């Protein structure tokens, strides 16, 4: 469901356990998963937050467009940025806010 201004509603998934995580998530507007068209998930850290993984699974099952955002240089394995199940469920994995902006801008015309 688009917002009143015609822009897609975006849900931001990610941990909110400290001031830095809350600051990061607040960089993008938040809406409910059922009402949104796109889910942007913060996937920083050596493992994906349990709640974020659940939100992604629910969003995937309901057919939402999923974008993972990973700006963390740490890796669990040399050939894996995030958990393979998470990565394969994403439509796109981006590595900066600039890439996220480009992804969201490119997605807009594709939805019509």
N, C-alpha and C. Protein backbone atom coordinates (compact mmCIF):
# COMPACT_ATOMS: atom_id res chain seq x y z
N UNK A 1 0.84 -1.16 0.00
CA UNK A 1 0.00 0.00 0.00
C UNK A 1 0.89 1.23 0.00
N UNK A 2 0.76 2.11 -1.00
CA UNK A 2 1.59 3.31 -1.01
C UNK A 2 1.12 4.30 0.05
N UNK A 3 2.03 5.18 0.44
CA UNK A 3 1.66 6.21 1.40
C UNK A 3 0.81 7.25 0.69
N UNK A 4 0.29 8.19 1.45
CA UNK A 4 -0.56 9.23 0.89
C UNK A 4 0.16 10.02 -0.19
N UNK A 5 1.46 10.17 -0.07
CA UNK A 5 2.23 10.93 -1.06
C UNK A 5 2.60 10.09 -2.27
N UNK A 6 2.20 8.82 -2.30
CA UNK A 6 2.50 7.95 -3.43
C UNK A 6 3.80 7.18 -3.31
N UNK A 7 4.59 7.47 -2.31
CA UNK A 7 5.83 6.73 -2.09
C UNK A 7 5.51 5.42 -1.40
N UNK A 8 6.29 4.37 -1.67
CA UNK A 8 6.03 3.10 -1.00
C UNK A 8 6.34 3.20 0.49
N UNK A 9 5.58 2.45 1.28
CA UNK A 9 5.87 2.37 2.71
C UNK A 9 6.98 1.36 2.91
N UNK A 10 7.92 1.69 3.77
CA UNK A 10 9.07 0.84 4.03
C UNK A 10 9.10 0.48 5.51
N UNK A 11 9.29 -0.80 5.81
CA UNK A 11 9.47 -1.26 7.18
C UNK A 11 10.96 -1.50 7.38
N UNK A 12 11.49 -1.03 8.50
CA UNK A 12 12.91 -1.21 8.79
C UNK A 12 13.04 -2.23 9.91
N UNK A 13 13.74 -3.32 9.63
CA UNK A 13 13.95 -4.37 10.61
C UNK A 13 15.39 -4.30 11.10
N UNK A 14 15.56 -4.51 12.38
CA UNK A 14 16.90 -4.53 12.93
C UNK A 14 16.87 -4.44 14.43
N UNK A 15 17.98 -4.76 15.07
CA UNK A 15 18.04 -4.72 16.52
C UNK A 15 18.00 -3.28 17.04
N UNK A 16 17.45 -3.11 18.23
CA UNK A 16 17.34 -1.79 18.86
C UNK A 16 17.84 -1.84 20.30
N UNK A 17 19.00 -2.42 20.51
CA UNK A 17 19.47 -2.67 21.87
C UNK A 17 20.36 -1.58 22.44
N UNK A 18 20.82 -0.65 21.62
CA UNK A 18 21.64 0.43 22.15
C UNK A 18 21.39 1.70 21.34
N UNK A 19 21.96 2.81 21.80
CA UNK A 19 21.71 4.09 21.14
C UNK A 19 22.16 4.09 19.69
N UNK A 20 23.28 3.43 19.39
CA UNK A 20 23.77 3.39 18.01
C UNK A 20 22.83 2.63 17.09
N UNK A 21 22.30 1.51 17.55
CA UNK A 21 21.36 0.74 16.73
C UNK A 21 20.07 1.52 16.51
N UNK A 22 19.58 2.19 17.56
CA UNK A 22 18.35 2.99 17.41
C UNK A 22 18.59 4.15 16.44
N UNK A 23 19.75 4.81 16.53
CA UNK A 23 20.08 5.90 15.61
C UNK A 23 20.07 5.39 14.17
N UNK A 24 20.68 4.23 13.94
CA UNK A 24 20.78 3.66 12.59
C UNK A 24 19.39 3.37 12.02
N UNK A 25 18.54 2.73 12.79
CA UNK A 25 17.20 2.38 12.33
C UNK A 25 16.36 3.63 12.07
N UNK A 26 16.53 4.66 12.87
CA UNK A 26 15.75 5.88 12.71
C UNK A 26 16.12 6.66 11.46
N UNK A 27 17.16 6.25 10.75
CA UNK A 27 17.55 6.92 9.51
C UNK A 27 16.54 6.68 8.39
N UNK A 28 15.67 5.69 8.54
CA UNK A 28 14.64 5.37 7.54
C UNK A 28 13.30 5.30 8.27
N UNK A 29 12.22 5.77 7.64
CA UNK A 29 10.90 5.72 8.28
C UNK A 29 10.47 4.28 8.54
N UNK A 30 9.66 4.08 9.59
CA UNK A 30 9.19 2.75 9.95
C UNK A 30 7.67 2.65 9.79
N UNK A 31 7.19 1.52 9.29
CA UNK A 31 5.76 1.19 9.22
C UNK A 31 5.61 -0.27 9.55
N UNK A 32 4.40 -0.77 9.67
CA UNK A 32 4.15 -2.17 9.96
C UNK A 32 4.43 -3.05 8.76
N UNK A 33 4.87 -4.30 9.00
CA UNK A 33 5.19 -5.22 7.90
C UNK A 33 3.98 -5.46 7.01
N UNK A 34 2.81 -5.66 7.59
CA UNK A 34 1.63 -5.95 6.78
C UNK A 34 1.23 -4.79 5.87
N UNK A 35 1.52 -3.57 6.27
CA UNK A 35 1.14 -2.40 5.49
C UNK A 35 2.20 -1.98 4.47
N UNK A 36 3.41 -2.48 4.60
CA UNK A 36 4.49 -1.99 3.75
C UNK A 36 4.59 -2.75 2.44
N UNK A 37 5.38 -2.21 1.54
CA UNK A 37 5.71 -2.88 0.28
C UNK A 37 7.14 -3.40 0.30
N UNK A 38 8.00 -2.75 1.08
CA UNK A 38 9.43 -3.07 1.11
C UNK A 38 9.86 -3.23 2.57
N UNK A 39 10.74 -4.21 2.81
CA UNK A 39 11.38 -4.35 4.12
C UNK A 39 12.87 -4.15 3.92
N UNK A 40 13.43 -3.21 4.66
CA UNK A 40 14.87 -2.98 4.68
C UNK A 40 15.37 -3.50 6.01
N UNK A 41 16.30 -4.46 5.96
CA UNK A 41 16.79 -5.09 7.18
C UNK A 41 18.25 -4.74 7.42
N UNK A 42 18.54 -4.24 8.62
CA UNK A 42 19.91 -4.01 9.04
C UNK A 42 20.52 -5.36 9.40
N UNK A 43 21.54 -5.77 8.65
CA UNK A 43 22.15 -7.09 8.82
C UNK A 43 23.59 -6.99 9.33
N UNK A 44 23.89 -5.94 10.05
CA UNK A 44 25.23 -5.79 10.60
C UNK A 44 25.43 -6.75 11.78
N UNK A 45 26.68 -7.09 12.03
CA UNK A 45 27.03 -8.01 13.10
C UNK A 45 27.50 -9.33 12.52
N UNK A 46 28.11 -10.13 13.36
CA UNK A 46 28.61 -11.43 12.89
C UNK A 46 27.48 -12.39 12.59
N UNK A 47 26.35 -12.22 13.27
CA UNK A 47 25.16 -13.03 12.97
C UNK A 47 23.96 -12.09 12.89
N UNK A 48 22.95 -12.50 12.15
CA UNK A 48 21.73 -11.71 12.04
C UNK A 48 20.94 -11.80 13.34
N UNK A 49 20.46 -10.66 13.81
CA UNK A 49 19.64 -10.61 15.01
C UNK A 49 18.44 -11.54 14.85
N UNK A 50 18.09 -12.29 15.90
CA UNK A 50 16.98 -13.25 15.84
C UNK A 50 15.66 -12.59 15.44
N UNK A 51 15.36 -11.45 16.02
CA UNK A 51 14.11 -10.76 15.70
C UNK A 51 14.09 -10.29 14.26
N UNK A 52 15.22 -9.81 13.78
CA UNK A 52 15.32 -9.36 12.39
C UNK A 52 15.13 -10.54 11.44
N UNK A 53 15.71 -11.68 11.78
CA UNK A 53 15.54 -12.88 10.95
C UNK A 53 14.06 -13.28 10.89
N UNK A 54 13.37 -13.19 12.03
CA UNK A 54 11.95 -13.53 12.06
C UNK A 54 11.16 -12.55 11.18
N UNK A 55 11.45 -11.26 11.33
CA UNK A 55 10.76 -10.25 10.52
C UNK A 55 10.98 -10.50 9.03
N UNK A 56 12.20 -10.84 8.64
CA UNK A 56 12.48 -11.14 7.24
C UNK A 56 11.71 -12.37 6.77
N UNK A 57 11.67 -13.41 7.60
CA UNK A 57 10.94 -14.62 7.24
C UNK A 57 9.46 -14.34 7.03
N UNK A 58 8.87 -13.57 7.94
CA UNK A 58 7.45 -13.21 7.81
C UNK A 58 7.22 -12.39 6.55
N UNK A 59 8.08 -11.40 6.33
CA UNK A 59 7.95 -10.55 5.15
C UNK A 59 8.12 -11.36 3.86
N UNK A 60 9.06 -12.28 3.86
CA UNK A 60 9.28 -13.14 2.69
C UNK A 60 8.02 -13.97 2.41
N UNK A 61 7.44 -14.53 3.46
CA UNK A 61 6.25 -15.38 3.31
C UNK A 61 5.04 -14.59 2.81
N UNK A 62 5.03 -13.29 3.08
CA UNK A 62 3.90 -12.47 2.63
C UNK A 62 4.20 -11.72 1.33
N UNK A 63 5.33 -12.05 0.70
CA UNK A 63 5.62 -11.52 -0.64
C UNK A 63 6.16 -10.11 -0.71
N UNK A 64 6.77 -9.63 0.35
CA UNK A 64 7.33 -8.27 0.35
C UNK A 64 8.66 -8.25 -0.39
N UNK A 65 9.03 -7.06 -0.87
CA UNK A 65 10.34 -6.85 -1.49
C UNK A 65 11.34 -6.65 -0.36
N UNK A 66 12.42 -7.45 -0.34
CA UNK A 66 13.37 -7.45 0.78
C UNK A 66 14.74 -6.93 0.36
N UNK A 67 15.22 -5.95 1.10
CA UNK A 67 16.56 -5.40 0.87
C UNK A 67 17.34 -5.52 2.16
N UNK A 68 18.49 -6.16 2.10
CA UNK A 68 19.37 -6.26 3.26
C UNK A 68 20.42 -5.18 3.19
N UNK A 69 20.73 -4.57 4.32
CA UNK A 69 21.75 -3.53 4.40
C UNK A 69 22.84 -4.01 5.34
N UNK A 70 24.04 -4.23 4.79
CA UNK A 70 25.18 -4.70 5.59
C UNK A 70 26.35 -3.78 5.33
N UNK A 71 26.71 -2.99 6.34
CA UNK A 71 27.86 -2.09 6.23
C UNK A 71 29.01 -2.54 7.12
N UNK A 72 28.90 -3.74 7.65
CA UNK A 72 29.87 -4.29 8.60
C UNK A 72 31.00 -4.98 7.83
N UNK A 73 32.22 -4.65 8.13
CA UNK A 73 33.36 -5.25 7.42
C UNK A 73 33.73 -6.62 7.97
N UNK A 74 33.19 -7.00 9.16
CA UNK A 74 33.51 -8.31 9.74
C UNK A 74 32.77 -9.41 8.97
N UNK A 75 33.40 -10.57 8.86
CA UNK A 75 32.81 -11.71 8.16
C UNK A 75 32.94 -12.96 9.02
N UNK A 76 31.90 -13.81 8.99
CA UNK A 76 32.00 -15.11 9.67
C UNK A 76 32.86 -16.04 8.83
N UNK A 77 32.65 -16.00 7.51
CA UNK A 77 33.38 -16.84 6.56
C UNK A 77 33.79 -15.97 5.39
N UNK A 78 34.83 -16.34 4.69
CA UNK A 78 35.33 -15.53 3.57
C UNK A 78 34.32 -15.41 2.43
N UNK A 79 33.48 -16.42 2.23
CA UNK A 79 32.56 -16.41 1.09
C UNK A 79 31.11 -16.10 1.49
N UNK A 80 30.89 -15.60 2.70
CA UNK A 80 29.53 -15.36 3.18
C UNK A 80 29.46 -14.02 3.90
N UNK A 81 28.60 -13.12 3.40
CA UNK A 81 28.41 -11.82 4.04
C UNK A 81 27.45 -11.97 5.22
N UNK A 82 26.30 -12.57 4.97
CA UNK A 82 25.33 -12.88 6.03
C UNK A 82 24.92 -14.33 5.87
N UNK A 83 24.14 -14.84 6.80
CA UNK A 83 23.66 -16.22 6.73
C UNK A 83 23.09 -16.49 5.34
N UNK A 84 23.45 -17.62 4.76
CA UNK A 84 23.05 -17.95 3.39
C UNK A 84 21.54 -17.98 3.21
N UNK A 85 20.79 -18.48 4.19
CA UNK A 85 19.33 -18.50 4.07
C UNK A 85 18.77 -17.09 4.03
N UNK A 86 19.33 -16.20 4.83
CA UNK A 86 18.91 -14.80 4.82
C UNK A 86 19.26 -14.18 3.47
N UNK A 87 20.50 -14.35 3.04
CA UNK A 87 20.96 -13.72 1.80
C UNK A 87 20.14 -14.19 0.59
N UNK A 88 19.81 -15.47 0.55
CA UNK A 88 19.05 -16.00 -0.59
C UNK A 88 17.58 -15.56 -0.59
N UNK A 89 17.08 -15.11 0.55
CA UNK A 89 15.69 -14.63 0.59
C UNK A 89 15.58 -13.16 0.18
N UNK A 90 16.70 -12.46 0.14
CA UNK A 90 16.70 -11.04 -0.20
C UNK A 90 16.58 -10.83 -1.71
N UNK A 91 15.94 -9.74 -2.08
CA UNK A 91 15.96 -9.34 -3.48
C UNK A 91 17.27 -8.64 -3.80
N UNK A 92 17.83 -7.99 -2.77
CA UNK A 92 19.09 -7.28 -2.97
C UNK A 92 19.80 -7.11 -1.63
N UNK A 93 21.13 -7.16 -1.66
CA UNK A 93 21.96 -6.89 -0.50
C UNK A 93 22.83 -5.69 -0.84
N UNK A 94 22.69 -4.61 -0.07
CA UNK A 94 23.45 -3.39 -0.33
C UNK A 94 24.41 -3.14 0.82
N UNK A 95 25.42 -2.29 0.58
CA UNK A 95 26.48 -2.11 1.55
C UNK A 95 26.72 -0.67 1.99
N UNK A 96 25.78 0.23 1.68
CA UNK A 96 25.89 1.63 2.13
C UNK A 96 24.52 2.28 2.02
N UNK A 97 24.37 3.43 2.69
CA UNK A 97 23.12 4.17 2.56
C UNK A 97 22.93 4.69 1.13
N UNK A 98 24.04 5.02 0.45
CA UNK A 98 23.94 5.45 -0.95
C UNK A 98 23.40 4.32 -1.83
N UNK A 99 23.91 3.10 -1.62
CA UNK A 99 23.41 1.96 -2.39
C UNK A 99 21.94 1.69 -2.06
N UNK A 100 21.55 1.86 -0.79
CA UNK A 100 20.17 1.67 -0.40
C UNK A 100 19.27 2.68 -1.10
N UNK A 101 19.69 3.93 -1.12
CA UNK A 101 18.92 4.97 -1.80
C UNK A 101 18.77 4.64 -3.28
N UNK A 102 19.83 4.21 -3.92
CA UNK A 102 19.78 3.83 -5.34
C UNK A 102 18.84 2.65 -5.56
N UNK A 103 18.90 1.68 -4.67
CA UNK A 103 18.04 0.50 -4.79
C UNK A 103 16.58 0.87 -4.66
N UNK A 104 16.26 1.69 -3.67
CA UNK A 104 14.87 2.11 -3.47
C UNK A 104 14.37 2.97 -4.64
N UNK A 105 15.23 3.82 -5.17
CA UNK A 105 14.86 4.65 -6.31
C UNK A 105 14.62 3.81 -7.55
N UNK A 106 15.47 2.80 -7.78
CA UNK A 106 15.31 1.92 -8.94
C UNK A 106 14.09 1.04 -8.80
N UNK A 107 13.74 0.64 -7.57
CA UNK A 107 12.61 -0.24 -7.35
C UNK A 107 11.29 0.44 -7.67
N UNK A 108 11.16 1.73 -7.40
CA UNK A 108 9.92 2.46 -7.59
C UNK A 108 9.24 2.22 -8.94
N UNK A 109 9.93 2.46 -10.05
CA UNK A 109 9.30 2.27 -11.36
C UNK A 109 9.00 0.81 -11.66
N UNK A 110 9.70 -0.13 -11.03
CA UNK A 110 9.49 -1.55 -11.31
C UNK A 110 8.17 -2.07 -10.72
N UNK A 111 7.63 -1.38 -9.71
CA UNK A 111 6.43 -1.86 -9.05
C UNK A 111 5.15 -1.52 -9.78
N UNK A 112 5.21 -0.63 -10.76
CA UNK A 112 3.98 -0.25 -11.47
C UNK A 112 3.77 -1.08 -12.70
